[in-house]
C-alpha atoms as a PDB file:
ATOM      1  CA  MET A   1      84.874  91.086 144.450  1.00  0.00           C
ATOM      2  CA  SER A   2      82.630  88.411 142.952  1.00  0.00           C
ATOM      3  CA  ASN A   3      84.028  85.651 140.775  1.00  0.00           C
ATOM      4  CA  TYR A   4      82.283  87.237 137.795  1.00  0.00           C
ATOM      5  CA  HIS A   5      83.957  90.610 138.302  1.00  0.00           C
ATOM      6  CA  GLN A   6      87.287  88.958 139.072  1.00  0.00           C
ATOM      7  CA  LEU A   7      86.996  87.103 135.778  1.00  0.00           C
ATOM      8  CA  LEU A   8      86.340  90.353 133.909  1.00  0.00           C
ATOM      9  CA  SER A   9      89.382  91.855 135.605  1.00  0.00           C
ATOM     10  CA  ASN A  10      91.473  88.853 134.546  1.00  0.00           C
ATOM     11  CA  PHE A  11      90.349  89.329 130.946  1.00  0.00           C
ATOM     12  CA  ASP A  12      91.557  92.929 131.172  1.00  0.00           C
ATOM     13  CA  GLN A  13      94.936  91.984 132.605  1.00  0.00           C
ATOM     14  CA  LEU A  14      95.431  89.287 129.997  1.00  0.00           C
ATOM     15  CA  GLY A  15      94.503  91.670 127.174  1.00  0.00           C
ATOM     16  CA  LEU A  16      91.498  89.565 126.158  1.00  0.00           C
ATOM     17  CA  CYS A  17      89.421  92.562 125.063  1.00  0.00           C
ATOM     18  CA  ARG A  18      87.012  90.774 122.767  1.00  0.00           C
ATOM     19  CA  ILE A  19      86.330  87.962 125.248  1.00  0.00           C
ATOM     20  CA  LYS A  20      85.534  90.537 127.932  1.00  0.00           C
ATOM     21  CA  GLU A  21      83.128  92.338 125.597  1.00  0.00           C
ATOM     22  CA  TYR A  22      81.522  89.111 124.354  1.00  0.00           C
ATOM     23  CA  PHE A  23      81.444  87.233 127.647  1.00  0.00           C
ATOM     24  CA  SER A  24      78.388  88.673 129.431  1.00  0.00           C
ATOM     25  CA  ASN A  25      75.867  87.971 126.678  1.00  0.00           C
ATOM     26  CA  TYR A  26      77.462  84.667 125.769  1.00  0.00           C
ATOM     27  CA  LEU A  27      77.309  83.513 129.386  1.00  0.00           C
ATOM     28  CA  GLU A  28      73.521  83.681 129.227  1.00  0.00           C
ATOM     29  CA  VAL A  29      73.542  81.569 126.064  1.00  0.00           C
ATOM     30  CA  VAL A  30      75.831  79.010 127.717  1.00  0.00           C
ATOM     31  CA  ASN A  31      73.579  78.733 130.746  1.00  0.00           C
ATOM     32  CA  ASP A  32      70.333  78.615 128.746  1.00  0.00           C
ATOM     33  CA  ARG A  33      71.567  75.961 126.332  1.00  0.00           C
ATOM     34  CA  SER A  34      73.840  74.036 128.704  1.00  0.00           C
ATOM     35  CA  ILE A  35      76.717  74.368 126.262  1.00  0.00           C
ATOM     36  CA  PRO A  36      79.693  72.155 127.222  1.00  0.00           C
ATOM     37  CA  PHE A  37      82.663  73.957 128.791  1.00  0.00           C
ATOM     38  CA  THR A  38      85.087  73.107 125.972  1.00  0.00           C
ATOM     39  CA  GLU A  39      82.640  74.298 123.323  1.00  0.00           C
ATOM     40  CA  ALA A  40      82.078  77.558 125.187  1.00  0.00           C
ATOM     41  CA  LEU A  41      85.808  78.096 125.641  1.00  0.00           C
ATOM     42  CA  LEU A  42      86.400  77.382 121.958  1.00  0.00           C
ATOM     43  CA  GLU A  43      83.786  79.974 120.961  1.00  0.00           C
ATOM     44  CA  LEU A  44      85.286  82.591 123.290  1.00  0.00           C
ATOM     45  CA  THR A  45      88.833  82.022 122.068  1.00  0.00           C
ATOM     46  CA  ASN A  46      87.692  82.027 118.438  1.00  0.00           C
ATOM     47  CA  GLN A  47      86.063  85.422 119.003  1.00  0.00           C
ATOM     48  CA  GLU A  48      89.291  86.736 120.539  1.00  0.00           C
ATOM     49  CA  LEU A  49      91.400  85.439 117.638  1.00  0.00           C
ATOM     50  CA  LEU A  50      89.062  87.033 115.090  1.00  0.00           C
ATOM     51  CA  TYR A  51      89.223  90.316 116.994  1.00  0.00           C
ATOM     52  CA  LYS A  52      93.018  90.276 117.194  1.00  0.00           C
ATOM     53  CA  GLN A  53      93.276  89.463 113.487  1.00  0.00           C
ATOM     54  CA  SER A  54      90.970  92.347 112.571  1.00  0.00           C
ATOM     55  CA  LYS A  55      93.059  94.724 114.694  1.00  0.00           C
ATOM     56  CA  LYS A  56      96.246  93.405 113.116  1.00  0.00           C
ATOM     57  CA  VAL A  57      94.863  94.089 109.632  1.00  0.00           C
ATOM     58  CA  GLU A  58      93.669  97.520 110.741  1.00  0.00           C
ATOM     59  CA  ARG A  59      97.193  98.412 111.918  1.00  0.00           C
ATOM     60  CA  ALA A  60      98.720  97.047 108.715  1.00  0.00           C
ATOM     61  CA  LEU A  61      96.395  99.193 106.592  1.00  0.00           C
ATOM     62  CA  ILE A  62      97.372 102.294 108.542  1.00  0.00           C
ATOM     63  CA  LYS A  63     101.091 101.512 108.195  1.00  0.00           C
ATOM     64  CA  ALA A  64     100.650 100.903 104.449  1.00  0.00           C
ATOM     65  CA  ARG A  65      99.577 104.560 104.101  1.00  0.00           C
ATOM     66  CA  PHE A  66      96.889 104.095 101.453  1.00  0.00           C
ATOM     67  CA  PRO A  67      95.271 107.451 100.590  1.00  0.00           C
ATOM     68  CA  LYS A  68      91.984 105.582 100.766  1.00  0.00           C
ATOM     69  CA  VAL A  69      91.238 101.900 101.349  1.00  0.00           C
ATOM     70  CA  LYS A  70      89.732 100.429  98.182  1.00  0.00           C
ATOM     71  CA  ARG A  71      88.855  96.862  97.293  1.00  0.00           C
ATOM     72  CA  MET A  72      88.324  94.923  94.094  1.00  0.00           C
ATOM     73  CA  SER A  73      84.628  94.589  94.910  1.00  0.00           C
ATOM     74  CA  ASP A  74      84.330  98.377  94.452  1.00  0.00           C
ATOM     75  CA  PHE A  75      85.958  98.424  91.012  1.00  0.00           C
ATOM     76  CA  GLU A  76      83.644  98.868  88.006  1.00  0.00           C
ATOM     77  CA  PHE A  77      85.097  96.359  85.558  1.00  0.00           C
ATOM     78  CA  GLY A  78      82.213  96.924  83.174  1.00  0.00           C
ATOM     79  CA  TYR A  79      83.436 100.476  82.545  1.00  0.00           C
ATOM     80  CA  GLN A  80      86.928  99.239  81.613  1.00  0.00           C
ATOM     81  CA  PRO A  81      86.459  96.463  79.019  1.00  0.00           C
ATOM     82  CA  SER A  82      90.176  96.457  78.170  1.00  0.00           C
ATOM     83  CA  ILE A  83      90.883  94.794  81.534  1.00  0.00           C
ATOM     84  CA  ASN A  84      90.871  91.015  81.838  1.00  0.00           C
ATOM     85  CA  LYS A  85      88.682  90.807  84.942  1.00  0.00           C
ATOM     86  CA  LYS A  86      89.553  87.230  85.878  1.00  0.00           C
ATOM     87  CA  HIS A  87      93.273  87.890  85.527  1.00  0.00           C
ATOM     88  CA  VAL A  88      93.119  90.985  87.714  1.00  0.00           C
ATOM     89  CA  LEU A  89      90.925  89.332  90.353  1.00  0.00           C
ATOM     90  CA  ASP A  90      93.429  86.469  90.556  1.00  0.00           C
ATOM     91  CA  LEU A  91      96.084  88.983  91.641  1.00  0.00           C
ATOM     92  CA  GLN A  92      94.369  89.156  95.040  1.00  0.00           C
ATOM     93  CA  HIS A  93      95.673  85.651  95.725  1.00  0.00           C
ATOM     94  CA  LEU A  94      99.190  87.153  95.588  1.00  0.00           C
ATOM     95  CA  SER A  95     100.876  84.301  93.736  1.00  0.00           C
ATOM     96  CA  PHE A  96     102.956  86.945  91.940  1.00  0.00           C
ATOM     97  CA  LEU A  97     104.707  87.624  95.266  1.00  0.00           C
ATOM     98  CA  ASP A  98     105.992  84.056  95.395  1.00  0.00           C
ATOM     99  CA  LYS A  99     107.575  84.604  91.968  1.00  0.00           C
ATOM    100  CA  GLN A 100     108.936  88.059  92.901  1.00  0.00           C
ATOM    101  CA  GLU A 101     107.022  89.463  89.929  1.00  0.00           C
ATOM    102  CA  ASN A 102     106.250  93.135  89.436  1.00  0.00           C
ATOM    103  CA  LEU A 103     102.908  94.536  88.301  1.00  0.00           C
ATOM    104  CA  ILE A 104     102.720  97.578  86.034  1.00  0.00           C
ATOM    105  CA  PHE A 105      99.421  99.363  85.426  1.00  0.00           C
ATOM    106  CA  ILE A 106      99.566 101.748  82.462  1.00  0.00           C
ATOM    107  CA  GLY A 107      96.802 104.133  81.438  1.00  0.00           C
ATOM    108  CA  ASN A 108      95.544 107.683  81.262  1.00  0.00           C
ATOM    109  CA  PRO A 109      94.574 109.542  84.459  1.00  0.00           C
ATOM    110  CA  GLY A 110      91.338 108.387  86.060  1.00  0.00           C
ATOM    111  CA  VAL A 111      91.066 104.889  84.553  1.00  0.00           C
ATOM    112  CA  GLY A 112      91.494 103.049  87.873  1.00  0.00           C
ATOM    113  CA  LYS A 113      95.213 102.235  88.025  1.00  0.00           C
ATOM    114  CA  SER A 114      95.642 103.393  91.611  1.00  0.00           C
ATOM    115  CA  HIS A 115      92.378 101.714  92.628  1.00  0.00           C
ATOM    116  CA  LEU A 116      93.604  98.340  91.366  1.00  0.00           C
ATOM    117  CA  ALA A 117      97.054  98.784  92.908  1.00  0.00           C
ATOM    118  CA  THR A 118      95.476  99.751  96.235  1.00  0.00           C
ATOM    119  CA  SER A 119      93.065  96.802  96.126  1.00  0.00           C
ATOM    120  CA  ILE A 120      95.946  94.371  95.700  1.00  0.00           C
ATOM    121  CA  GLY A 121      97.831  96.116  98.502  1.00  0.00           C
ATOM    122  CA  VAL A 122      94.813  95.848 100.803  1.00  0.00           C
ATOM    123  CA  ALA A 123      94.561  92.115 100.034  1.00  0.00           C
ATOM    124  CA  ALA A 124      98.250  91.806 100.893  1.00  0.00           C
ATOM    125  CA  CYS A 125      97.761  93.559 104.242  1.00  0.00           C
ATOM    126  CA  GLU A 126      94.861  91.232 105.029  1.00  0.00           C
ATOM    127  CA  GLN A 127      97.167  88.283 104.389  1.00  0.00           C
ATOM    128  CA  GLY A 128      99.960  89.571 106.617  1.00  0.00           C
ATOM    129  CA  ILE A 129     102.209  90.960 103.877  1.00  0.00           C
ATOM    130  CA  ARG A 130     104.211  94.039 104.906  1.00  0.00           C
ATOM    131  CA  THR A 131     103.090  96.653 102.386  1.00  0.00           C
ATOM    132  CA  LEU A 132     103.679 100.332 101.622  1.00  0.00           C
ATOM    133  CA  PHE A 133     101.879 102.623  99.180  1.00  0.00           C
ATOM    134  CA  ILE A 134     103.777 105.772  98.182  1.00  0.00           C
ATOM    135  CA  ASN A 135     103.496 108.408  95.471  1.00  0.00           C
ATOM    136  CA  CYS A 136     106.519 108.378  93.156  1.00  0.00           C
ATOM    137  CA  HIS A 137     107.277 112.068  93.704  1.00  0.00           C
ATOM    138  CA  GLU A 138     107.150 111.658  97.497  1.00  0.00           C
ATOM    139  CA  LEU A 139     109.402 108.603  97.301  1.00  0.00           C
ATOM    140  CA  LEU A 140     111.989 110.467  95.239  1.00  0.00           C
ATOM    141  CA  LEU A 141     111.906 113.429  97.624  1.00  0.00           C
ATOM    142  CA  ARG A 142     112.515 111.110 100.568  1.00  0.00           C
ATOM    143  CA  LEU A 143     115.364 109.313  98.812  1.00  0.00           C
ATOM    144  CA  GLN A 144     116.965 112.590  97.714  1.00  0.00           C
ATOM    145  CA  CYS A 145     116.665 114.007 101.233  1.00  0.00           C
ATOM    146  CA  ALA A 146     118.250 110.869 102.698  1.00  0.00           C
ATOM    147  CA  TYR A 147     121.070 111.090 100.147  1.00  0.00           C
ATOM    148  CA  GLU A 148     121.798 114.690 101.094  1.00  0.00           C
ATOM    149  CA  ASN A 149     121.636 113.900 104.832  1.00  0.00           C
ATOM    150  CA  GLY A 150     123.933 110.887 104.557  1.00  0.00           C
ATOM    151  CA  THR A 151     121.240 108.402 105.616  1.00  0.00           C
ATOM    152  CA  ILE A 152     120.542 106.918 102.185  1.00  0.00           C
ATOM    153  CA  GLU A 153     121.789 103.436 103.070  1.00  0.00           C
ATOM    154  CA  ARG A 154     119.371 103.109 105.989  1.00  0.00           C
ATOM    155  CA  VAL A 155     116.417 104.613 104.118  1.00  0.00           C
ATOM    156  CA  MET A 156     117.112 102.576 100.983  1.00  0.00           C
ATOM    157  CA  LYS A 157     117.212  99.382 103.050  1.00  0.00           C
ATOM    158  CA  ARG A 158     113.856 100.229 104.638  1.00  0.00           C
ATOM    159  CA  TYR A 159     112.107 100.667 101.284  1.00  0.00           C
ATOM    160  CA  ALA A 160     113.890  97.667  99.800  1.00  0.00           C
ATOM    161  CA  ASN A 161     112.650  95.358 102.556  1.00  0.00           C
ATOM    162  CA  TYR A 162     108.919  95.883 102.118  1.00  0.00           C
ATOM    163  CA  GLU A 163     107.409  92.623 100.892  1.00  0.00           C
ATOM    164  CA  LEU A 164     105.163  94.656  98.601  1.00  0.00           C
ATOM    165  CA  LEU A 165     105.957  98.230  97.566  1.00  0.00           C
ATOM    166  CA  ILE A 166     103.418 100.220  95.529  1.00  0.00           C
ATOM    167  CA  ILE A 167     104.870 103.223  93.657  1.00  0.00           C
ATOM    168  CA  ASP A 168     102.048 105.369  92.357  1.00  0.00           C
ATOM    169  CA  GLU A 169     101.963 107.904  89.513  1.00  0.00           C
ATOM    170  CA  ILE A 170     105.269 107.515  87.707  1.00  0.00           C
ATOM    171  CA  GLY A 171     105.353 109.992  84.852  1.00  0.00           C
ATOM    172  CA  TYR A 172     103.288 112.854  86.214  1.00  0.00           C
ATOM    173  CA  LEU A 173     106.427 114.852  86.997  1.00  0.00           C
ATOM    174  CA  PRO A 174     109.853 114.688  85.306  1.00  0.00           C
ATOM    175  CA  ILE A 175     112.503 112.683  87.145  1.00  0.00           C
ATOM    176  CA  GLN A 176     115.941 114.274  87.308  1.00  0.00           C
ATOM    177  CA  ARG A 177     119.247 112.459  86.812  1.00  0.00           C
ATOM    178  CA  GLN A 178     120.070 112.025  90.516  1.00  0.00           C
ATOM    179  CA  GLU A 179     116.520 110.916  91.301  1.00  0.00           C
ATOM    180  CA  ALA A 180     116.665 108.337  88.510  1.00  0.00           C
ATOM    181  CA  ASP A 181     119.913 106.961  89.944  1.00  0.00           C
ATOM    182  CA  LEU A 182     118.333 106.607  93.381  1.00  0.00           C
ATOM    183  CA  LEU A 183     115.209 104.956  91.975  1.00  0.00           C
ATOM    184  CA  PHE A 184     117.395 102.500  90.078  1.00  0.00           C
ATOM    185  CA  GLN A 185     119.254 101.635  93.281  1.00  0.00           C
ATOM    186  CA  LEU A 186     115.954 100.900  95.004  1.00  0.00           C
ATOM    187  CA  ILE A 187     114.594  98.787  92.161  1.00  0.00           C
ATOM    188  CA  ASN A 188     117.895  96.954  91.914  1.00  0.00           C
ATOM    189  CA  ALA A 189     117.822  96.249  95.668  1.00  0.00           C
ATOM    190  CA  ARG A 190     114.326  94.761  95.323  1.00  0.00           C
ATOM    191  CA  TYR A 191     115.077  92.888  92.084  1.00  0.00           C
ATOM    192  CA  GLU A 192     114.247  89.171  92.387  1.00  0.00           C
ATOM    193  CA  ARG A 193     113.701  89.648  96.152  1.00  0.00           C
ATOM    194  CA  HIS A 194     110.366  91.424  96.484  1.00  0.00           C
ATOM    195  CA  SER A 195     107.518  92.523  94.237  1.00  0.00           C
ATOM    196  CA  THR A 196     106.732  96.118  93.315  1.00  0.00           C
ATOM    197  CA  ILE A 197     103.544  97.524  91.810  1.00  0.00           C
ATOM    198  CA  PHE A 198     103.832 100.588  89.571  1.00  0.00           C
ATOM    199  CA  THR A 199     101.137 102.820  88.167  1.00  0.00           C
ATOM    200  CA  THR A 200     102.032 105.146  85.321  1.00  0.00           C
ATOM    201  CA  ASN A 201     100.346 107.319  82.728  1.00  0.00           C
ATOM    202  CA  SER A 202     103.297 106.882  80.351  1.00  0.00           C
ATOM    203  CA  SER A 203     103.985 103.887  78.143  1.00  0.00           C
ATOM    204  CA  LEU A 204     107.221 102.135  79.036  1.00  0.00           C
ATOM    205  CA  SER A 205     108.687 103.313  75.754  1.00  0.00           C
ATOM    206  CA  GLY A 206     107.934 106.868  76.894  1.00  0.00           C
ATOM    207  CA  TRP A 207     109.815 106.598  80.173  1.00  0.00           C
ATOM    208  CA  GLY A 208     112.873 107.997  78.431  1.00  0.00           C
ATOM    209  CA  ASP A 209     111.040 111.320  78.241  1.00  0.00           C
ATOM    210  CA  VAL A 210     110.165 111.185  81.930  1.00  0.00           C
ATOM    211  CA  PHE A 211     113.581 110.209  83.267  1.00  0.00           C
ATOM    212  CA  LYS A 212     116.343 112.672  82.525  1.00  0.00           C
ATOM    213  CA  ASN A 213     118.869 109.856  82.712  1.00  0.00           C
ATOM    214  CA  PRO A 214     118.920 107.446  79.716  1.00  0.00           C
ATOM    215  CA  ILE A 215     121.356 104.995  81.317  1.00  0.00           C
ATOM    216  CA  ALA A 216     119.351 104.676  84.548  1.00  0.00           C
ATOM    217  CA  THR A 217     116.105 104.451  82.552  1.00  0.00           C
ATOM    218  CA  ALA A 218     117.404 101.530  80.521  1.00  0.00           C
ATOM    219  CA  ALA A 219     118.643  99.760  83.655  1.00  0.00           C
ATOM    220  CA  ILE A 220     115.329 100.325  85.470  1.00  0.00           C
ATOM    221  CA  LEU A 221     113.253  99.007  82.575  1.00  0.00           C
ATOM    222  CA  ASP A 222     115.574  96.022  82.155  1.00  0.00           C
ATOM    223  CA  ARG A 223     114.871  94.899  85.713  1.00  0.00           C
ATOM    224  CA  LEU A 224     111.200  95.797  85.730  1.00  0.00           C
ATOM    225  CA  VAL A 225     110.099  93.956  82.629  1.00  0.00           C
ATOM    226  CA  HIS A 226     112.234  90.854  83.299  1.00  0.00           C
ATOM    227  CA  HIS A 227     109.707  89.555  85.839  1.00  0.00           C
ATOM    228  CA  SER A 228     106.517  91.525  85.390  1.00  0.00           C
ATOM    229  CA  GLN A 229     102.876  91.493  84.406  1.00  0.00           C
ATOM    230  CA  ILE A 230     101.825  94.547  82.430  1.00  0.00           C
ATOM    231  CA  PHE A 231      98.243  95.822  82.289  1.00  0.00           C
ATOM    232  CA  LYS A 232      97.331  98.499  79.757  1.00  0.00           C
ATOM    233  CA  ILE A 233      94.033 100.216  80.527  1.00  0.00           C
ATOM    234  CA  THR A 234      92.623 102.049  77.521  1.00  0.00           C
ATOM    235  CA  GLY A 235      89.193 103.040  78.844  1.00  0.00           C
ATOM    236  CA  LYS A 236      87.713 106.368  79.845  1.00  0.00           C
ATOM    237  CA  SER A 237      88.232 108.283  83.070  1.00  0.00           C
ATOM    238  CA  TYR A 238      85.924 107.499  86.000  1.00  0.00           C
ATOM    239  CA  ARG A 239      86.467 110.989  87.368  1.00  0.00           C
ATOM    240  CA  LEU A 240      85.400 112.672  84.133  1.00  0.00           C
ATOM    241  CA  ARG A 241      82.342 110.433  83.965  1.00  0.00           C
ATOM    242  CA  ASP A 242      81.376 111.274  87.528  1.00  0.00           C
ATOM    243  CA  HIS A 243      81.901 114.977  86.862  1.00  0.00           C
ATOM    244  CA  GLN A 244      79.700 114.878  83.765  1.00  0.00           C
ATOM    245  CA  GLU A 245      76.978 113.011  85.657  1.00  0.00           C
ATOM    246  CA  LYS A 246      76.962 115.698  88.349  1.00  0.00           C
ATOM    247  CA  LEU A 247      76.642 118.432  85.732  1.00  0.00           C
ATOM    248  CA  GLN A 248      73.638 116.661  84.225  1.00  0.00           C
ATOM    249  CA  LYS A 249      71.762 116.502  87.516  1.00  0.00           C
END
């Protein structure tokens, strides 16, 4: 086996996938330009680090379970003038996580609440923050199932330990007394430890109609609003706009 092929084999064994892929073409550049050994090695290792980081982010995005990966650059701020664009864009820097603050996006269906929540979650994944996106109804089903199976402590701990938890669509379905108790336990476990993002189509004052448990509702709201940033989106639905545009074509 030639030294060249032995080197490629070594890259494989060491798990240096990007270097192996990049090496052949870069070797020609090194030889043509007489690039110093240290400079060449630095370039190769930089390529490998970038590759490993991109794969790490890719895995984090999959584990976060976003229905669809969306970024702030895709959001049409011009269609939602009620949003303070600069304030929302600043959320990508994740300083709210350092303060254990919660974010609450309130608005009618289709105004972009989930898009914004997802965009912040994607930014968190890209910065190495362990993140999970979950629909409120699915979360409550999982908690209720764990309660009935006697595994609630383990499951509750898992959800409580995410550095960023995104609970989507609170208010679309009524929340029963037992479910409200379980949700309170989760929020209480995360309180002043980790940040949670909520999207809801109900005003906070209307949560009493959603939760069939006034005591748990009051306790949940008490902890949520203590350290939170609240964004009320009063614009029109993107989905309805897109539907109307299709009809006009």
